[in-house]
Amino acid sequence: MSHEAELLKLLYDRFNARDMENVLTAMDEDVIWANGMEGGYVRGREGVRSYWTRQWAMIDPHVEPVEFSIGSEGKIVVEVHQIVRDLEGNILADQMVGHIFQIENGLVRQFDIRGA
């Protein structure tokens, strides 16, 4: 799992830096991505791009990976400390969240949020 954990650490770092293009290139072209804001899923890199563009226009999320483990079916489970602020910097949420990744051929194939 060390290669996958290193990939995901880099992706979290780039997400927090709002380096969308580098994060998107690490996703399968047909990625299935949980929409934590509106529910359901977005599909494909363009779907994720559109989702994040909407999200970042409304809130400022920051996620720090704390722990990595292997879940069912070989998926990578990441416990993250998530802080969500409004655009004025006020904290809206400060919590631990479970993220679940399916990685195939070195690319993120699917992303889920535990309990969502």
N, C-alpha and C. Protein backbone atom coordinates (compact mmCIF):
# COMPACT_ATOMS: atom_id res chain seq x y z
N MET A 1 0.83 -1.20 0.00
CA MET A 1 0.00 0.00 0.00
C MET A 1 0.86 1.26 0.00
N SER A 2 2.14 1.17 0.25
CA SER A 2 2.95 2.38 0.41
C SER A 2 2.91 3.27 -0.83
N HIS A 3 2.93 2.66 -2.03
CA HIS A 3 2.85 3.47 -3.26
C HIS A 3 1.52 4.22 -3.32
N GLU A 4 0.43 3.53 -3.01
CA GLU A 4 -0.89 4.16 -3.05
C GLU A 4 -1.00 5.26 -1.99
N ALA A 5 -0.46 4.99 -0.79
CA ALA A 5 -0.50 6.00 0.28
C ALA A 5 0.28 7.24 -0.13
N GLU A 6 1.44 7.05 -0.74
CA GLU A 6 2.23 8.20 -1.19
C GLU A 6 1.50 8.98 -2.27
N LEU A 7 0.85 8.28 -3.20
CA LEU A 7 0.05 8.93 -4.23
C LEU A 7 -1.06 9.77 -3.60
N LEU A 8 -1.78 9.18 -2.65
CA LEU A 8 -2.89 9.88 -2.02
C LEU A 8 -2.41 11.07 -1.19
N LYS A 9 -1.29 10.93 -0.49
CA LYS A 9 -0.74 12.07 0.26
C LYS A 9 -0.46 13.24 -0.68
N LEU A 10 0.12 12.93 -1.83
CA LEU A 10 0.40 13.96 -2.82
C LEU A 10 -0.90 14.59 -3.33
N LEU A 11 -1.92 13.77 -3.57
CA LEU A 11 -3.18 14.30 -4.06
C LEU A 11 -3.86 15.19 -3.03
N TYR A 12 -3.81 14.81 -1.76
CA TYR A 12 -4.38 15.68 -0.72
C TYR A 12 -3.62 17.00 -0.67
N ASP A 13 -2.31 16.94 -0.77
CA ASP A 13 -1.50 18.16 -0.76
C ASP A 13 -1.87 19.07 -1.92
N ARG A 14 -1.99 18.49 -3.11
CA ARG A 14 -2.32 19.28 -4.30
C ARG A 14 -3.77 19.80 -4.23
N PHE A 15 -4.70 19.00 -3.66
CA PHE A 15 -6.08 19.46 -3.47
C PHE A 15 -6.08 20.68 -2.56
N ASN A 16 -5.37 20.61 -1.45
CA ASN A 16 -5.34 21.72 -0.50
C ASN A 16 -4.71 22.96 -1.11
N ALA A 17 -3.81 22.78 -2.07
CA ALA A 17 -3.18 23.90 -2.77
C ALA A 17 -4.04 24.38 -3.94
N ARG A 18 -5.18 23.74 -4.17
CA ARG A 18 -6.09 24.03 -5.28
C ARG A 18 -5.42 23.84 -6.64
N ASP A 19 -4.52 22.86 -6.68
CA ASP A 19 -3.84 22.50 -7.93
C ASP A 19 -4.67 21.42 -8.62
N MET A 20 -5.82 21.82 -9.12
CA MET A 20 -6.80 20.89 -9.66
C MET A 20 -6.24 20.04 -10.79
N GLU A 21 -5.49 20.64 -11.69
CA GLU A 21 -5.03 19.90 -12.86
C GLU A 21 -4.16 18.70 -12.48
N ASN A 22 -3.26 18.87 -11.53
CA ASN A 22 -2.40 17.75 -11.13
C ASN A 22 -3.19 16.66 -10.41
N VAL A 23 -4.21 17.03 -9.67
CA VAL A 23 -5.05 16.01 -9.01
C VAL A 23 -5.85 15.26 -10.07
N LEU A 24 -6.42 15.97 -11.02
CA LEU A 24 -7.24 15.33 -12.05
C LEU A 24 -6.44 14.33 -12.89
N THR A 25 -5.18 14.62 -13.15
CA THR A 25 -4.38 13.70 -13.97
C THR A 25 -4.12 12.38 -13.25
N ALA A 26 -4.33 12.34 -11.94
CA ALA A 26 -4.14 11.10 -11.19
C ALA A 26 -5.43 10.29 -11.09
N MET A 27 -6.45 10.73 -11.80
CA MET A 27 -7.73 10.03 -11.81
C MET A 27 -7.95 9.34 -13.14
N ASP A 28 -8.63 8.20 -13.07
CA ASP A 28 -9.09 7.53 -14.27
C ASP A 28 -10.00 8.50 -15.03
N GLU A 29 -9.96 8.47 -16.35
CA GLU A 29 -10.81 9.37 -17.13
C GLU A 29 -12.29 9.22 -16.80
N ASP A 30 -12.69 8.01 -16.40
CA ASP A 30 -14.08 7.73 -16.06
C ASP A 30 -14.29 7.59 -14.56
N VAL A 31 -13.50 8.32 -13.76
CA VAL A 31 -13.57 8.22 -12.30
C VAL A 31 -15.01 8.43 -11.81
N ILE A 32 -15.33 7.74 -10.73
CA ILE A 32 -16.61 7.90 -10.05
C ILE A 32 -16.27 8.57 -8.72
N TRP A 33 -16.79 9.78 -8.49
CA TRP A 33 -16.36 10.61 -7.35
C TRP A 33 -17.57 11.01 -6.51
N ALA A 34 -17.52 10.70 -5.21
CA ALA A 34 -18.61 11.07 -4.31
C ALA A 34 -18.75 12.59 -4.23
N ASN A 35 -19.98 13.05 -4.35
CA ASN A 35 -20.29 14.47 -4.24
C ASN A 35 -20.74 14.72 -2.80
N GLY A 36 -19.79 15.11 -1.96
CA GLY A 36 -20.08 15.30 -0.55
C GLY A 36 -20.92 16.52 -0.25
N MET A 37 -21.07 17.40 -1.20
CA MET A 37 -21.81 18.63 -0.98
C MET A 37 -23.29 18.48 -1.35
N GLU A 38 -23.56 17.83 -2.46
CA GLU A 38 -24.92 17.76 -2.98
C GLU A 38 -25.50 16.34 -2.97
N GLY A 39 -24.65 15.37 -2.64
CA GLY A 39 -25.09 13.98 -2.65
C GLY A 39 -24.86 13.33 -4.00
N GLY A 40 -24.88 12.02 -4.01
CA GLY A 40 -24.68 11.28 -5.25
C GLY A 40 -23.23 11.26 -5.67
N TYR A 41 -23.02 11.13 -6.97
CA TYR A 41 -21.68 11.04 -7.54
C TYR A 41 -21.57 11.95 -8.75
N VAL A 42 -20.33 12.36 -9.02
CA VAL A 42 -20.02 12.98 -10.30
C VAL A 42 -19.15 11.98 -11.04
N ARG A 43 -19.16 12.07 -12.35
CA ARG A 43 -18.44 11.08 -13.16
C ARG A 43 -17.47 11.76 -14.12
N GLY A 44 -16.31 11.14 -14.23
CA GLY A 44 -15.29 11.62 -15.14
C GLY A 44 -14.52 12.81 -14.60
N ARG A 45 -13.36 13.03 -15.20
CA ARG A 45 -12.52 14.16 -14.77
C ARG A 45 -13.25 15.48 -14.90
N GLU A 46 -14.01 15.64 -15.98
CA GLU A 46 -14.73 16.90 -16.18
C GLU A 46 -15.82 17.09 -15.14
N GLY A 47 -16.45 15.99 -14.72
CA GLY A 47 -17.44 16.07 -13.66
C GLY A 47 -16.82 16.51 -12.35
N VAL A 48 -15.63 15.98 -12.03
CA VAL A 48 -14.93 16.38 -10.81
C VAL A 48 -14.50 17.84 -10.92
N ARG A 49 -13.99 18.24 -12.08
CA ARG A 49 -13.58 19.64 -12.28
C ARG A 49 -14.77 20.58 -12.00
N SER A 50 -15.91 20.27 -12.58
CA SER A 50 -17.10 21.10 -12.40
C SER A 50 -17.53 21.13 -10.94
N TYR A 51 -17.52 19.98 -10.28
CA TYR A 51 -17.91 19.87 -8.88
C TYR A 51 -16.99 20.71 -8.00
N TRP A 52 -15.68 20.55 -8.17
CA TRP A 52 -14.74 21.32 -7.34
C TRP A 52 -14.84 22.81 -7.63
N THR A 53 -15.07 23.20 -8.87
CA THR A 53 -15.21 24.61 -9.20
C THR A 53 -16.40 25.21 -8.45
N ARG A 54 -17.53 24.48 -8.43
CA ARG A 54 -18.71 24.94 -7.67
C ARG A 54 -18.40 24.97 -6.18
N GLN A 55 -17.77 23.90 -5.69
CA GLN A 55 -17.48 23.79 -4.26
C GLN A 55 -16.59 24.93 -3.78
N TRP A 56 -15.49 25.16 -4.49
CA TRP A 56 -14.52 26.17 -4.07
C TRP A 56 -15.05 27.59 -4.21
N ALA A 57 -16.12 27.77 -4.98
CA ALA A 57 -16.75 29.08 -5.08
C ALA A 57 -17.63 29.37 -3.86
N MET A 58 -17.94 28.31 -3.07
CA MET A 58 -18.84 28.47 -1.92
C MET A 58 -18.15 28.25 -0.58
N ILE A 59 -17.19 27.31 -0.53
CA ILE A 59 -16.53 26.96 0.72
C ILE A 59 -15.04 26.73 0.48
N ASP A 60 -14.29 26.67 1.58
CA ASP A 60 -12.84 26.45 1.52
C ASP A 60 -12.51 25.20 2.35
N PRO A 61 -12.55 24.02 1.72
CA PRO A 61 -12.25 22.80 2.46
C PRO A 61 -10.74 22.53 2.52
N HIS A 62 -10.31 21.96 3.63
CA HIS A 62 -8.91 21.55 3.80
C HIS A 62 -8.93 20.17 4.44
N VAL A 63 -8.23 19.21 3.84
CA VAL A 63 -8.22 17.83 4.35
C VAL A 63 -6.79 17.34 4.53
N GLU A 64 -6.50 16.85 5.72
CA GLU A 64 -5.18 16.31 6.03
C GLU A 64 -5.31 14.83 6.34
N PRO A 65 -4.64 13.97 5.57
CA PRO A 65 -4.69 12.54 5.87
C PRO A 65 -3.98 12.25 7.20
N VAL A 66 -4.62 11.40 8.00
CA VAL A 66 -4.09 11.06 9.33
C VAL A 66 -3.66 9.60 9.38
N GLU A 67 -4.45 8.72 8.74
CA GLU A 67 -4.18 7.29 8.81
C GLU A 67 -4.64 6.61 7.54
N PHE A 68 -3.85 5.64 7.09
CA PHE A 68 -4.18 4.86 5.90
C PHE A 68 -4.33 3.40 6.30
N SER A 69 -5.31 2.72 5.72
CA SER A 69 -5.47 1.28 5.95
C SER A 69 -6.10 0.65 4.71
N ILE A 70 -6.09 -0.68 4.70
CA ILE A 70 -6.71 -1.42 3.60
C ILE A 70 -8.10 -1.85 4.06
N GLY A 71 -9.10 -1.52 3.26
CA GLY A 71 -10.47 -1.88 3.57
C GLY A 71 -10.91 -3.06 2.74
N SER A 72 -12.21 -3.23 2.66
CA SER A 72 -12.77 -4.35 1.92
C SER A 72 -12.42 -4.23 0.44
N GLU A 73 -12.27 -5.36 -0.19
CA GLU A 73 -11.97 -5.45 -1.62
C GLU A 73 -10.69 -4.72 -1.99
N GLY A 74 -9.77 -4.55 -1.02
CA GLY A 74 -8.49 -3.91 -1.30
C GLY A 74 -8.54 -2.42 -1.46
N LYS A 75 -9.65 -1.81 -1.12
CA LYS A 75 -9.74 -0.35 -1.22
C LYS A 75 -8.91 0.30 -0.12
N ILE A 76 -8.43 1.50 -0.39
CA ILE A 76 -7.63 2.24 0.58
C ILE A 76 -8.56 3.15 1.38
N VAL A 77 -8.50 3.01 2.70
CA VAL A 77 -9.31 3.84 3.59
C VAL A 77 -8.38 4.88 4.21
N VAL A 78 -8.76 6.15 4.09
CA VAL A 78 -7.97 7.24 4.63
C VAL A 78 -8.81 7.99 5.65
N GLU A 79 -8.33 8.05 6.86
CA GLU A 79 -8.96 8.89 7.87
C GLU A 79 -8.36 10.28 7.71
N VAL A 80 -9.22 11.27 7.50
CA VAL A 80 -8.74 12.62 7.28
C VAL A 80 -9.32 13.58 8.31
N HIS A 81 -8.53 14.57 8.66
CA HIS A 81 -9.02 15.68 9.47
C HIS A 81 -9.48 16.74 8.48
N GLN A 82 -10.76 17.01 8.50
CA GLN A 82 -11.36 17.94 7.54
C GLN A 82 -11.80 19.22 8.25
N ILE A 83 -11.33 20.33 7.74
CA ILE A 83 -11.79 21.63 8.22
C ILE A 83 -12.40 22.35 7.03
N VAL A 84 -13.65 22.76 7.18
CA VAL A 84 -14.35 23.48 6.13
C VAL A 84 -14.64 24.88 6.64
N ARG A 85 -14.22 25.86 5.85
CA ARG A 85 -14.45 27.26 6.21
C ARG A 85 -15.33 27.91 5.14
N ASP A 86 -16.04 28.96 5.56
CA ASP A 86 -16.71 29.76 4.55
C ASP A 86 -15.66 30.65 3.90
N LEU A 87 -16.05 31.42 2.91
CA LEU A 87 -15.08 32.20 2.17
C LEU A 87 -14.52 33.39 2.96
N GLU A 88 -15.12 33.66 4.12
CA GLU A 88 -14.58 34.69 5.01
C GLU A 88 -13.64 34.10 6.05
N GLY A 89 -13.46 32.78 6.03
CA GLY A 89 -12.54 32.12 6.96
C GLY A 89 -13.17 31.56 8.21
N ASN A 90 -14.47 31.67 8.37
CA ASN A 90 -15.16 31.12 9.55
C ASN A 90 -15.29 29.62 9.42
N ILE A 91 -15.02 28.89 10.50
CA ILE A 91 -15.10 27.43 10.47
C ILE A 91 -16.55 26.98 10.46
N LEU A 92 -16.88 26.16 9.46
CA LEU A 92 -18.21 25.57 9.33
C LEU A 92 -18.22 24.14 9.86
N ALA A 93 -17.10 23.43 9.71
CA ALA A 93 -16.99 22.04 10.17
C ALA A 93 -15.52 21.75 10.49
N ASP A 94 -15.32 20.99 11.56
CA ASP A 94 -13.99 20.54 11.97
C ASP A 94 -14.19 19.12 12.48
N GLN A 95 -13.85 18.12 11.65
CA GLN A 95 -14.21 16.74 11.98
C GLN A 95 -13.29 15.73 11.31
N MET A 96 -13.35 14.52 11.80
CA MET A 96 -12.67 13.40 11.16
C MET A 96 -13.66 12.76 10.19
N VAL A 97 -13.16 12.41 9.00
CA VAL A 97 -13.99 11.83 7.95
C VAL A 97 -13.23 10.67 7.33
N GLY A 98 -13.94 9.62 6.95
CA GLY A 98 -13.33 8.49 6.26
C GLY A 98 -13.51 8.59 4.76
N HIS A 99 -12.40 8.57 4.05
CA HIS A 99 -12.42 8.56 2.59
C HIS A 99 -11.99 7.18 2.11
N ILE A 100 -12.64 6.68 1.08
CA ILE A 100 -12.36 5.34 0.56
C ILE A 100 -12.02 5.46 -0.92
N PHE A 101 -10.85 4.95 -1.29
CA PHE A 101 -10.37 5.05 -2.66
C PHE A 101 -10.19 3.67 -3.27
N GLN A 102 -10.62 3.53 -4.50
CA GLN A 102 -10.30 2.36 -5.31
C GLN A 102 -9.28 2.84 -6.35
N ILE A 103 -8.11 2.23 -6.33
CA ILE A 103 -7.05 2.62 -7.25
C ILE A 103 -6.79 1.46 -8.20
N GLU A 104 -6.80 1.76 -9.49
CA GLU A 104 -6.53 0.75 -10.53
C GLU A 104 -5.50 1.32 -11.50
N ASN A 105 -4.50 0.52 -11.79
CA ASN A 105 -3.45 0.93 -12.74
C ASN A 105 -2.83 2.28 -12.37
N GLY A 106 -2.67 2.51 -11.06
CA GLY A 106 -2.02 3.72 -10.58
C GLY A 106 -2.87 4.97 -10.62
N LEU A 107 -4.18 4.82 -10.95
CA LEU A 107 -5.09 5.96 -11.02
C LEU A 107 -6.27 5.75 -10.09
N VAL A 108 -6.82 6.84 -9.57
CA VAL A 108 -8.02 6.75 -8.73
C VAL A 108 -9.19 6.42 -9.63
N ARG A 109 -9.81 5.28 -9.36
CA ARG A 109 -10.97 4.82 -10.15
C ARG A 109 -12.28 5.26 -9.50
N GLN A 110 -12.30 5.22 -8.13
CA GLN A 110 -13.52 5.60 -7.42
C GLN A 110 -13.15 6.18 -6.06
N PHE A 111 -13.94 7.17 -5.65
CA PHE A 111 -13.80 7.82 -4.35
C PHE A 111 -15.15 7.82 -3.66
N ASP A 112 -15.17 7.38 -2.40
CA ASP A 112 -16.39 7.38 -1.60
C ASP A 112 -16.10 8.03 -0.26
N ILE A 113 -17.16 8.50 0.39
CA ILE A 113 -17.07 9.05 1.72
C ILE A 113 -17.82 8.10 2.64
N ARG A 114 -17.14 7.61 3.67
CA ARG A 114 -17.77 6.64 4.57
C ARG A 114 -19.01 7.28 5.21
N GLY A 115 -20.10 6.54 5.14
CA GLY A 115 -21.35 6.98 5.75
C GLY A 115 -22.16 7.94 4.90
N ALA A 116 -21.63 8.30 3.73
CA ALA A 116 -22.38 9.26 2.88
C ALA A 116 -23.36 8.52 1.99
